[in-house]
PDB file of N, CA and C in Angstrom:
ATOM      1  N   MET A   1      -0.384 -13.763 -31.100  1.00  0.00           N
ATOM      2  CA  MET A   1      -2.332 -12.731 -31.776  1.00  0.00           C
ATOM      3  C   MET A   1      -1.928 -11.963 -32.583  1.00  0.00           C
ATOM      4  N   ASP A   2      -2.693 -12.192 -33.557  1.00  0.00           N
ATOM      5  CA  ASP A   2      -2.236 -11.253 -35.043  1.00  0.00           C
ATOM      6  C   ASP A   2      -2.972  -9.551 -34.920  1.00  0.00           C
ATOM      7  N   LYS A   3      -1.529  -8.974 -35.610  1.00  0.00           N
ATOM      8  CA  LYS A   3      -1.693  -7.662 -35.053  1.00  0.00           C
ATOM      9  C   LYS A   3      -2.563  -7.169 -35.539  1.00  0.00           C
ATOM     10  N   ALA A   4      -2.246  -7.963 -36.865  1.00  0.00           N
ATOM     11  CA  ALA A   4      -3.578  -7.019 -38.043  1.00  0.00           C
ATOM     12  C   ALA A   4      -5.100  -7.016 -37.700  1.00  0.00           C
ATOM     13  N   ARG A   5      -5.180  -8.242 -36.761  1.00  0.00           N
ATOM     14  CA  ARG A   5      -6.808  -7.798 -36.534  1.00  0.00           C
ATOM     15  C   ARG A   5      -7.450  -6.746 -36.068  1.00  0.00           C
ATOM     16  N   GLY A   6      -6.800  -6.249 -35.526  1.00  0.00           N
ATOM     17  CA  GLY A   6      -7.302  -5.025 -34.282  1.00  0.00           C
ATOM     18  C   GLY A   6      -8.008  -5.262 -33.407  1.00  0.00           C
ATOM     19  N   LYS A   7      -8.056  -4.215 -32.226  1.00  0.00           N
ATOM     20  CA  LYS A   7      -8.652  -3.734 -31.406  1.00  0.00           C
ATOM     21  C   LYS A   7     -10.210  -5.593 -30.662  1.00  0.00           C
ATOM     22  N   ILE A   8      -9.905  -6.076 -30.135  1.00  0.00           N
ATOM     23  CA  ILE A   8     -11.377  -6.638 -29.764  1.00  0.00           C
ATOM     24  C   ILE A   8     -11.991  -6.607 -28.614  1.00  0.00           C
ATOM     25  N   TYR A   9     -12.959  -6.417 -29.106  1.00  0.00           N
ATOM     26  CA  TYR A   9     -13.973  -6.134 -27.509  1.00  0.00           C
ATOM     27  C   TYR A   9     -15.809  -6.912 -27.535  1.00  0.00           C
ATOM     28  N   TRP A  10     -15.527  -7.150 -26.605  1.00  0.00           N
ATOM     29  CA  TRP A  10     -16.962  -7.640 -26.832  1.00  0.00           C
ATOM     30  C   TRP A  10     -18.038  -7.118 -26.547  1.00  0.00           C
ATOM     31  N   LYS A  11     -19.217  -8.002 -28.141  1.00  0.00           N
ATOM     32  CA  LYS A  11     -20.404  -7.248 -29.208  1.00  0.00           C
ATOM     33  C   LYS A  11     -21.488  -6.537 -27.982  1.00  0.00           C
ATOM     34  N   ARG A  12     -21.659  -7.320 -26.298  1.00  0.00           N
ATOM     35  CA  ARG A  12     -22.432  -6.449 -25.895  1.00  0.00           C
ATOM     36  C   ARG A  12     -22.374  -5.773 -24.567  1.00  0.00           C
ATOM     37  N   ILE A  13     -21.101  -4.901 -24.794  1.00  0.00           N
ATOM     38  CA  ILE A  13     -20.564  -4.238 -23.151  1.00  0.00           C
ATOM     39  C   ILE A  13     -21.970  -2.882 -23.645  1.00  0.00           C
ATOM     40  N   PRO A  14     -22.081  -2.109 -21.834  1.00  0.00           N
ATOM     41  CA  PRO A  14     -22.385  -1.144 -21.471  1.00  0.00           C
ATOM     42  C   PRO A  14     -21.917  -0.175 -22.871  1.00  0.00           C
ATOM     43  N   LEU A  15     -22.991   0.400 -23.544  1.00  0.00           N
ATOM     44  CA  LEU A  15     -22.860   1.623 -24.242  1.00  0.00           C
ATOM     45  C   LEU A  15     -21.399   3.064 -23.352  1.00  0.00           C
ATOM     46  N   PHE A  16     -21.249   3.271 -22.190  1.00  0.00           N
ATOM     47  CA  PHE A  16     -20.935   3.655 -21.548  1.00  0.00           C
ATOM     48  C   PHE A  16     -19.389   3.379 -21.469  1.00  0.00           C
ATOM     49  N   GLN A  17     -19.403   2.042 -21.263  1.00  0.00           N
ATOM     50  CA  GLN A  17     -17.848   1.574 -22.237  1.00  0.00           C
ATOM     51  C   GLN A  17     -17.090   1.437 -22.512  1.00  0.00           C
ATOM     52  N   LEU A  18     -17.704   1.290 -24.188  1.00  0.00           N
ATOM     53  CA  LEU A  18     -17.317   1.505 -25.506  1.00  0.00           C
ATOM     54  C   LEU A  18     -17.217   2.595 -25.842  1.00  0.00           C
ATOM     55  N   VAL A  19     -18.339   4.244 -24.709  1.00  0.00           N
ATOM     56  CA  VAL A  19     -17.638   5.027 -25.490  1.00  0.00           C
ATOM     57  C   VAL A  19     -16.565   5.900 -24.620  1.00  0.00           C
ATOM     58  N   GLU A  20     -16.022   4.972 -23.519  1.00  0.00           N
ATOM     59  CA  GLU A  20     -15.192   5.993 -22.526  1.00  0.00           C
ATOM     60  C   GLU A  20     -13.460   5.294 -23.615  1.00  0.00           C
ATOM     61  N   LYS A  21     -13.787   4.087 -24.148  1.00  0.00           N
ATOM     62  CA  LYS A  21     -13.144   2.842 -24.633  1.00  0.00           C
ATOM     63  C   LYS A  21     -12.384   3.820 -26.347  1.00  0.00           C
ATOM     64  N   ILE A  22     -13.430   3.543 -27.329  1.00  0.00           N
ATOM     65  CA  ILE A  22     -13.240   4.773 -28.521  1.00  0.00           C
ATOM     66  C   ILE A  22     -13.474   5.761 -28.371  1.00  0.00           C
ATOM     67  N   LYS A  23     -14.123   7.016 -27.712  1.00  0.00           N
ATOM     68  CA  LYS A  23     -14.239   8.249 -28.267  1.00  0.00           C
ATOM     69  C   LYS A  23     -14.605   8.678 -29.236  1.00  0.00           C
ATOM     70  N   LEU A  24     -15.363   8.014 -29.481  1.00  0.00           N
ATOM     71  CA  LEU A  24     -16.216   9.105 -30.735  1.00  0.00           C
ATOM     72  C   LEU A  24     -17.993   8.881 -30.264  1.00  0.00           C
ATOM     73  N   TRP A  25     -18.752   9.420 -31.026  1.00  0.00           N
ATOM     74  CA  TRP A  25     -20.136   9.342 -31.029  1.00  0.00           C
ATOM     75  C   TRP A  25     -21.310   9.505 -32.172  1.00  0.00           C
ATOM     76  N   PRO A  26     -21.455   8.294 -32.674  1.00  0.00           N
ATOM     77  CA  PRO A  26     -22.811   8.894 -34.035  1.00  0.00           C
ATOM     78  C   PRO A  26     -23.553   9.354 -34.161  1.00  0.00           C
ATOM     79  N   SER A  27     -24.051  10.342 -34.095  1.00  0.00           N
ATOM     80  CA  SER A  27     -25.529  10.983 -34.237  1.00  0.00           C
ATOM     81  C   SER A  27     -26.359  10.759 -35.096  1.00  0.00           C
ATOM     82  N   ARG A  28     -27.400  11.325 -35.056  1.00  0.00           N
ATOM     83  CA  ARG A  28     -28.767  10.533 -35.748  1.00  0.00           C
ATOM     84  C   ARG A  28     -28.458  10.551 -37.095  1.00  0.00           C
ATOM     85  N   ARG A  29     -27.719  11.029 -37.728  1.00  0.00           N
ATOM     86  CA  ARG A  29     -27.362  11.945 -39.308  1.00  0.00           C
ATOM     87  C   ARG A  29     -26.337  11.027 -40.068  1.00  0.00           C
ATOM     88  N   GLY A  30     -25.895  10.160 -39.007  1.00  0.00           N
ATOM     89  CA  GLY A  30     -25.010   9.809 -39.744  1.00  0.00           C
ATOM     90  C   GLY A  30     -23.378  10.188 -39.539  1.00  0.00           C
ATOM     91  N   VAL A  31     -23.356  11.197 -39.240  1.00  0.00           N
ATOM     92  CA  VAL A  31     -22.077  12.093 -38.474  1.00  0.00           C
ATOM     93  C   VAL A  31     -20.686  11.103 -37.457  1.00  0.00           C
ATOM     94  N   LEU A  32     -20.042  10.818 -37.672  1.00  0.00           N
ATOM     95  CA  LEU A  32     -19.414  10.526 -36.444  1.00  0.00           C
ATOM     96  C   LEU A  32     -18.531  11.479 -35.828  1.00  0.00           C
ATOM     97  N   HIS A  33     -18.636  11.803 -34.666  1.00  0.00           N
ATOM     98  CA  HIS A  33     -18.012  13.582 -33.945  1.00  0.00           C
ATOM     99  C   HIS A  33     -17.272  12.455 -32.545  1.00  0.00           C
ATOM    100  N   GLY A  34     -16.242  13.086 -32.022  1.00  0.00           N
ATOM    101  CA  GLY A  34     -15.145  13.145 -31.650  1.00  0.00           C
ATOM    102  C   GLY A  34     -15.394  13.400 -29.831  1.00  0.00           C
ATOM    103  N   ILE A  35     -14.977  12.547 -29.215  1.00  0.00           N
ATOM    104  CA  ILE A  35     -15.637  13.484 -27.775  1.00  0.00           C
ATOM    105  C   ILE A  35     -14.203  13.193 -26.665  1.00  0.00           C
ATOM    106  N   LYS A  36     -14.567  15.197 -26.584  1.00  0.00           N
ATOM    107  CA  LYS A  36     -13.633  15.558 -25.828  1.00  0.00           C
ATOM    108  C   LYS A  36     -14.282  14.896 -24.281  1.00  0.00           C
ATOM    109  N   THR A  37     -15.216  15.803 -24.034  1.00  0.00           N
ATOM    110  CA  THR A  37     -15.202  14.865 -21.863  1.00  0.00           C
ATOM    111  C   THR A  37     -16.896  14.171 -22.454  1.00  0.00           C
ATOM    112  N   PHE A  38     -16.214  12.860 -21.505  1.00  0.00           N
ATOM    113  CA  PHE A  38     -17.536  12.010 -20.785  1.00  0.00           C
ATOM    114  C   PHE A  38     -17.439  12.483 -19.385  1.00  0.00           C
ATOM    115  N   GLU A  39     -18.421  12.418 -18.731  1.00  0.00           N
ATOM    116  CA  GLU A  39     -18.735  12.590 -17.750  1.00  0.00           C
ATOM    117  C   GLU A  39     -20.296  11.442 -17.553  1.00  0.00           C
ATOM    118  N   VAL A  40     -20.264  10.512 -16.180  1.00  0.00           N
ATOM    119  CA  VAL A  40     -21.618  10.660 -15.932  1.00  0.00           C
ATOM    120  C   VAL A  40     -21.929  11.209 -14.898  1.00  0.00           C
ATOM    121  N   ILE A  41     -23.426  11.627 -15.053  1.00  0.00           N
ATOM    122  CA  ILE A  41     -23.911  12.496 -14.089  1.00  0.00           C
ATOM    123  C   ILE A  41     -24.500  11.826 -13.061  1.00  0.00           C
ATOM    124  N   ARG A  42     -26.012  10.668 -13.173  1.00  0.00           N
ATOM    125  CA  ARG A  42     -26.755  10.029 -12.371  1.00  0.00           C
ATOM    126  C   ARG A  42     -26.979   8.794 -13.423  1.00  0.00           C
ATOM    127  N   GLY A  43     -26.066   7.247 -12.126  1.00  0.00           N
ATOM    128  CA  GLY A  43     -27.003   6.238 -12.618  1.00  0.00           C
ATOM    129  C   GLY A  43     -27.154   5.708 -13.804  1.00  0.00           C
ATOM    130  N   SER A  44     -27.585   5.988 -14.856  1.00  0.00           N
ATOM    131  CA  SER A  44     -27.814   5.486 -15.694  1.00  0.00           C
ATOM    132  C   SER A  44     -27.204   6.785 -16.946  1.00  0.00           C
ATOM    133  N   TYR A  45     -27.444   7.685 -16.439  1.00  0.00           N
ATOM    134  CA  TYR A  45     -27.184   9.220 -17.882  1.00  0.00           C
ATOM    135  C   TYR A  45     -25.692   9.095 -17.927  1.00  0.00           C
ATOM    136  N   ALA A  46     -24.786  10.148 -18.741  1.00  0.00           N
ATOM    137  CA  ALA A  46     -23.672  10.401 -19.175  1.00  0.00           C
ATOM    138  C   ALA A  46     -24.185  12.213 -19.680  1.00  0.00           C
ATOM    139  N   TYR A  47     -22.833  13.185 -19.706  1.00  0.00           N
ATOM    140  CA  TYR A  47     -23.170  14.414 -20.205  1.00  0.00           C
ATOM    141  C   TYR A  47     -22.091  14.169 -20.807  1.00  0.00           C
ATOM    142  N   VAL A  48     -22.173  14.079 -23.121  1.00  0.00           N
ATOM    143  CA  VAL A  48     -21.429  14.166 -23.844  1.00  0.00           C
ATOM    144  C   VAL A  48     -20.311  15.620 -24.340  1.00  0.00           C
ATOM    145  N   VAL A  49     -18.968  15.918 -24.544  1.00  0.00           N
ATOM    146  CA  VAL A  49     -19.477  16.784 -25.041  1.00  0.00           C
ATOM    147  C   VAL A  49     -18.657  16.632 -26.105  1.00  0.00           C
ATOM    148  N   THR A  50     -18.758  17.125 -27.430  1.00  0.00           N
ATOM    149  CA  THR A  50     -17.530  16.664 -28.762  1.00  0.00           C
ATOM    150  C   THR A  50     -16.631  17.515 -29.021  1.00  0.00           C
ATOM    151  N   HIS A  51     -15.720  17.549 -29.743  1.00  0.00           N
ATOM    152  CA  HIS A  51     -15.048  18.107 -30.122  1.00  0.00           C
ATOM    153  C   HIS A  51     -15.246  19.788 -31.019  1.00  0.00           C
ATOM    154  N   CYS A  52     -16.552  19.399 -31.095  1.00  0.00           N
ATOM    155  CA  CYS A  52     -17.536  20.951 -32.128  1.00  0.00           C
ATOM    156  C   CYS A  52     -18.514  21.430 -31.572  1.00  0.00           C
ATOM    157  N   ASN A  53     -17.882  21.331 -29.958  1.00  0.00           N
ATOM    158  CA  ASN A  53     -18.845  22.196 -28.271  1.00  0.00           C
ATOM    159  C   ASN A  53     -20.898  21.836 -29.026  1.00  0.00           C
ATOM    160  N   GLU A  54     -20.657  20.282 -28.676  1.00  0.00           N
ATOM    161  CA  GLU A  54     -21.999  19.669 -29.259  1.00  0.00           C
ATOM    162  C   GLU A  54     -22.188  19.375 -28.195  1.00  0.00           C
ATOM    163  N   GLN A  55     -23.454  19.079 -27.584  1.00  0.00           N
ATOM    164  CA  GLN A  55     -23.621  18.238 -26.340  1.00  0.00           C
ATOM    165  C   GLN A  55     -24.462  18.073 -25.835  1.00  0.00           C
ATOM    166  N   MET A  56     -24.888  16.795 -25.126  1.00  0.00           N
ATOM    167  CA  MET A  56     -25.955  15.923 -24.705  1.00  0.00           C
ATOM    168  C   MET A  56     -25.722  14.968 -23.980  1.00  0.00           C
ATOM    169  N   MET A  57     -26.950  14.215 -23.241  1.00  0.00           N
ATOM    170  CA  MET A  57     -27.532  13.858 -22.254  1.00  0.00           C
ATOM    171  C   MET A  57     -27.461  12.039 -23.745  1.00  0.00           C
ATOM    172  N   ILE A  58     -26.600  11.314 -22.539  1.00  0.00           N
ATOM    173  CA  ILE A  58     -26.803   9.566 -23.235  1.00  0.00           C
ATOM    174  C   ILE A  58     -27.282   9.429 -22.330  1.00  0.00           C
ATOM    175  N   ARG A  59     -27.592   7.795 -22.255  1.00  0.00           N
ATOM    176  CA  ARG A  59     -28.538   7.482 -22.105  1.00  0.00           C
ATOM    177  C   ARG A  59     -27.656   5.397 -21.768  1.00  0.00           C
ATOM    178  N   ASN A  60     -27.132   4.654 -20.367  1.00  0.00           N
ATOM    179  CA  ASN A  60     -26.292   3.770 -20.848  1.00  0.00           C
ATOM    180  C   ASN A  60     -27.543   2.629 -21.010  1.00  0.00           C
ATOM    181  N   SER A  61     -27.088   2.207 -22.654  1.00  0.00           N
ATOM    182  CA  SER A  61     -27.638   1.089 -22.938  1.00  0.00           C
ATOM    183  C   SER A  61     -26.949  -0.129 -24.011  1.00  0.00           C
ATOM    184  N   LYS A  62     -27.180  -1.750 -24.020  1.00  0.00           N
ATOM    185  CA  LYS A  62     -26.795  -2.647 -24.598  1.00  0.00           C
ATOM    186  C   LYS A  62     -27.187  -2.172 -26.124  1.00  0.00           C
ATOM    187  N   LYS A  63     -28.273  -1.484 -26.405  1.00  0.00           N
ATOM    188  CA  LYS A  63     -29.333  -2.593 -27.734  1.00  0.00           C
ATOM    189  C   LYS A  63     -29.445  -1.014 -27.956  1.00  0.00           C
ATOM    190  N   SER A  64     -29.321   0.173 -27.616  1.00  0.00           N
ATOM    191  CA  SER A  64     -29.572   1.712 -28.092  1.00  0.00           C
ATOM    192  C   SER A  64     -28.882   1.963 -29.593  1.00  0.00           C
ATOM    193  N   ARG A  65     -29.512   3.277 -30.338  1.00  0.00           N
ATOM    194  CA  ARG A  65     -28.693   2.690 -32.254  1.00  0.00           C
ATOM    195  C   ARG A  65     -27.818   3.375 -31.648  1.00  0.00           C
ATOM    196  N   ALA A  66     -27.506   3.999 -30.980  1.00  0.00           N
ATOM    197  CA  ALA A  66     -26.024   4.507 -30.913  1.00  0.00           C
ATOM    198  C   ALA A  66     -25.511   3.212 -30.660  1.00  0.00           C
ATOM    199  N   ALA A  67     -25.168   2.521 -29.953  1.00  0.00           N
ATOM    200  CA  ALA A  67     -24.372   1.301 -29.589  1.00  0.00           C
ATOM    201  C   ALA A  67     -24.726   0.402 -30.736  1.00  0.00           C
ATOM    202  N   ARG A  68     -25.593   0.341 -31.269  1.00  0.00           N
ATOM    203  CA  ARG A  68     -25.504  -0.813 -32.952  1.00  0.00           C
ATOM    204  C   ARG A  68     -24.965   0.150 -33.446  1.00  0.00           C
ATOM    205  N   TRP A  69     -25.100   1.845 -33.660  1.00  0.00           N
ATOM    206  CA  TRP A  69     -23.766   2.070 -35.034  1.00  0.00           C
ATOM    207  C   TRP A  69     -22.626   1.473 -34.249  1.00  0.00           C
ATOM    208  N   LEU A  70     -21.872   1.926 -33.414  1.00  0.00           N
ATOM    209  CA  LEU A  70     -21.031   2.078 -33.000  1.00  0.00           C
ATOM    210  C   LEU A  70     -20.089   0.223 -33.309  1.00  0.00           C
ATOM    211  N   ARG A  71     -20.742  -0.686 -32.651  1.00  0.00           N
ATOM    212  CA  ARG A  71     -20.352  -2.349 -32.945  1.00  0.00           C
ATOM    213  C   ARG A  71     -20.439  -2.612 -34.298  1.00  0.00           C
ATOM    214  N   ASN A  72     -21.255  -2.071 -35.225  1.00  0.00           N
ATOM    215  CA  ASN A  72     -21.265  -2.280 -36.190  1.00  0.00           C
ATOM    216  C   ASN A  72     -20.849  -1.364 -37.522  1.00  0.00           C
ATOM    217  N   LYS A  73     -20.373  -0.462 -36.684  1.00  0.00           N
ATOM    218  CA  LYS A  73     -18.874   0.587 -37.195  1.00  0.00           C
ATOM    219  C   LYS A  73     -20.252   1.501 -39.019  1.00  0.00           C
ATOM    220  N   TRP A  74     -20.890   2.364 -38.526  1.00  0.00           N
ATOM    221  CA  TRP A  74     -22.445   2.278 -39.582  1.00  0.00           C
ATOM    222  C   TRP A  74     -21.676   3.965 -39.455  1.00  0.00           C
ATOM    223  N   TYR A  75     -21.758   4.761 -40.017  1.00  0.00           N
ATOM    224  CA  TYR A  75     -21.353   6.481 -39.888  1.00  0.00           C
ATOM    225  C   TYR A  75     -21.463   6.620 -41.752  1.00  0.00           C
ATOM    226  N   ALA A  76     -21.697   7.899 -41.949  1.00  0.00           N
ATOM    227  CA  ALA A  76     -21.640   8.442 -43.396  1.00  0.00           C
ATOM    228  C   ALA A  76     -20.737   9.224 -43.401  1.00  0.00           C
ATOM    229  N   ARG A  77     -20.410   9.871 -42.794  1.00  0.00           N
ATOM    230  CA  ARG A  77     -19.273  10.875 -42.292  1.00  0.00           C
ATOM    231  C   ARG A  77     -18.751  11.029 -41.299  1.00  0.00           C
ATOM    232  N   THR A  78     -17.179  11.601 -41.468  1.00  0.00           N
ATOM    233  CA  THR A  78     -16.987  12.058 -40.349  1.00  0.00           C
ATOM    234  C   THR A  78     -16.956  13.576 -40.039  1.00  0.00           C
ATOM    235  N   CYS A  79     -17.145  14.030 -38.610  1.00  0.00           N
ATOM    236  CA  CYS A  79     -17.427  15.621 -38.106  1.00  0.00           C
ATOM    237  C   CYS A  79     -15.984  16.412 -39.110  1.00  0.00           C
ATOM    238  N   ASP A  80     -16.380  16.946 -39.540  1.00  0.00           N
ATOM    239  CA  ASP A  80     -15.060  18.497 -40.702  1.00  0.00           C
ATOM    240  C   ASP A  80     -14.882  19.257 -39.137  1.00  0.00           C
ATOM    241  N   LYS A  81     -15.584  19.512 -37.902  1.00  0.00           N
ATOM    242  CA  LYS A  81     -15.316  20.713 -37.176  1.00  0.00           C
ATOM    243  C   LYS A  81     -14.572  19.163 -35.718  1.00  0.00           C
ATOM    244  N   CYS A  82     -14.852  18.740 -35.928  1.00  0.00           N
ATOM    245  CA  CYS A  82     -14.301  17.469 -35.089  1.00  0.00           C
ATOM    246  C   CYS A  82     -12.573  16.876 -35.186  1.00  0.00           C
ATOM    247  N   ALA A  83     -12.547  17.404 -36.366  1.00  0.00           N
ATOM    248  CA  ALA A  83     -11.230  16.552 -36.732  1.00  0.00           C
ATOM    249  C   ALA A  83     -10.376  15.993 -36.148  1.00  0.00           C
ATOM    250  N   ILE A  84     -11.791  14.846 -36.810  1.00  0.00           N
ATOM    251  CA  ILE A  84     -11.475  13.082 -36.136  1.00  0.00           C
ATOM    252  C   ILE A  84      -9.551  12.786 -36.636  1.00  0.00           C
ATOM    253  N   PRO A  85      -8.691  12.258 -37.077  1.00  0.00           N
ATOM    254  CA  PRO A  85      -7.177  11.916 -37.056  1.00  0.00           C
ATOM    255  C   PRO A  85      -7.763  10.709 -38.312  1.00  0.00           C
ATOM    256  N   GLU A  86      -7.563  10.279 -38.906  1.00  0.00           N
ATOM    257  CA  GLU A  86      -7.387   9.846 -39.700  1.00  0.00           C
ATOM    258  C   GLU A  86      -6.749   8.380 -38.795  1.00  0.00           C
ATOM    259  N   TRP A  87      -5.763   7.983 -38.390  1.00  0.00           N
ATOM    260  CA  TRP A  87      -5.685   7.257 -37.456  1.00  0.00           C
ATOM    261  C   TRP A  87      -6.398   6.304 -36.574  1.00  0.00           C
ATOM    262  N   LYS A  88      -7.386   7.309 -35.825  1.00  0.00           N
ATOM    263  CA  LYS A  88      -8.250   7.030 -35.226  1.00  0.00           C
ATOM    264  C   LYS A  88      -9.338   6.730 -35.979  1.00  0.00           C
ATOM    265  N   VAL A  89      -9.899   6.290 -37.529  1.00  0.00           N
ATOM    266  CA  VAL A  89     -11.184   6.431 -37.719  1.00  0.00           C
ATOM    267  C   VAL A  89     -10.792   4.903 -38.479  1.00  0.00           C
ATOM    268  N   LYS A  90      -9.304   4.554 -39.340  1.00  0.00           N
ATOM    269  CA  LYS A  90      -8.099   3.560 -39.169  1.00  0.00           C
ATOM    270  C   LYS A  90      -8.558   2.063 -38.138  1.00  0.00           C
ATOM    271  N   LYS A  91      -7.963   2.855 -37.352  1.00  0.00           N
ATOM    272  CA  LYS A  91      -8.396   1.958 -35.928  1.00  0.00           C
ATOM    273  C   LYS A  91      -9.457   1.248 -35.710  1.00  0.00           C
ATOM    274  N   TYR A  92     -10.378   2.674 -35.892  1.00  0.00           N
ATOM    275  CA  TYR A  92     -12.100   1.859 -35.175  1.00  0.00           C
ATOM    276  C   TYR A  92     -12.537   1.361 -36.481  1.00  0.00           C
ATOM    277  N   SER A  93     -11.846   0.753 -37.602  1.00  0.00           N
ATOM    278  CA  SER A  93     -12.428   0.524 -38.486  1.00  0.00           C
ATOM    279  C   SER A  93     -12.111  -0.910 -38.583  1.00  0.00           C
ATOM    280  N   GLU A  94     -10.999  -1.213 -38.177  1.00  0.00           N
ATOM    281  CA  GLU A  94     -10.093  -2.342 -38.063  1.00  0.00           C
ATOM    282  C   GLU A  94     -10.742  -2.995 -36.052  1.00  0.00           C
ATOM    283  N   THR A  95     -11.354  -2.441 -35.755  1.00  0.00           N
ATOM    284  CA  THR A  95     -11.777  -3.407 -35.009  1.00  0.00           C
ATOM    285  C   THR A  95     -12.892  -4.141 -34.598  1.00  0.00           C
ATOM    286  N   ILE A  96     -12.857  -5.349 -33.700  1.00  0.00           N
ATOM    287  CA  ILE A  96     -13.504  -6.935 -33.904  1.00  0.00           C
ATOM    288  C   ILE A  96     -14.617  -6.411 -32.236  1.00  0.00           C
ATOM    289  N   PHE A  97     -15.703  -6.916 -33.033  1.00  0.00           N
ATOM    290  CA  PHE A  97     -16.832  -7.123 -31.664  1.00  0.00           C
ATOM    291  C   PHE A  97     -17.182  -8.012 -32.001  1.00  0.00           C
ATOM    292  N   LYS A  98     -16.801  -9.129 -30.383  1.00  0.00           N
ATOM    293  CA  LYS A  98     -17.052 -10.422 -30.710  1.00  0.00           C
ATOM    294  C   LYS A  98     -18.463 -10.952 -29.873  1.00  0.00           C
ATOM    295  N   SER A  99     -19.139 -11.708 -29.949  1.00  0.00           N
ATOM    296  CA  SER A  99     -19.822 -12.434 -29.387  1.00  0.00           C
ATOM    297  C   SER A  99     -18.430 -13.351 -27.874  1.00  0.00           C
ATOM    298  N   ILE A 100     -19.782 -13.899 -27.061  1.00  0.00           N
ATOM    299  CA  ILE A 100     -18.877 -14.407 -26.254  1.00  0.00           C
ATOM    300  C   ILE A 100     -19.136 -15.501 -26.974  1.00  0.00           C
ATOM    301  N   ARG A 101     -19.876 -16.764 -27.239  1.00  0.00           N
ATOM    302  CA  ARG A 101     -19.887 -17.966 -28.591  1.00  0.00           C
ATOM    303  C   ARG A 101     -18.610 -18.488 -29.216  1.00  0.00           C
ATOM    304  N   ASN A 102     -18.544 -17.705 -29.906  1.00  0.00           N
ATOM    305  CA  ASN A 102     -17.426 -16.851 -30.504  1.00  0.00           C
ATOM    306  C   ASN A 102     -15.305 -17.750 -30.389  1.00  0.00           C
TER     307      ASN A 102
END
């Protein structure tokens, strides 16, 4: 396997699995935050705290805005308060999301 290709994930995995692996969260304004704690509360809901102490409840979905943004690697900038390391952003940008057919 070619190491330059990066990590490969399935394209349609649930959002919780994706967030637990990547530890990044895109806000609605396009800011990429680092996740400090991730805790599944009940069934399809989880409680997330970012490194800049932003707290939110998220819902597990394969087709949500956040899931699409994470898979397509859409973000405007990284959060200054979260201080995401450059190696983590580089690793995230090299990640490949494949569908089952490919």
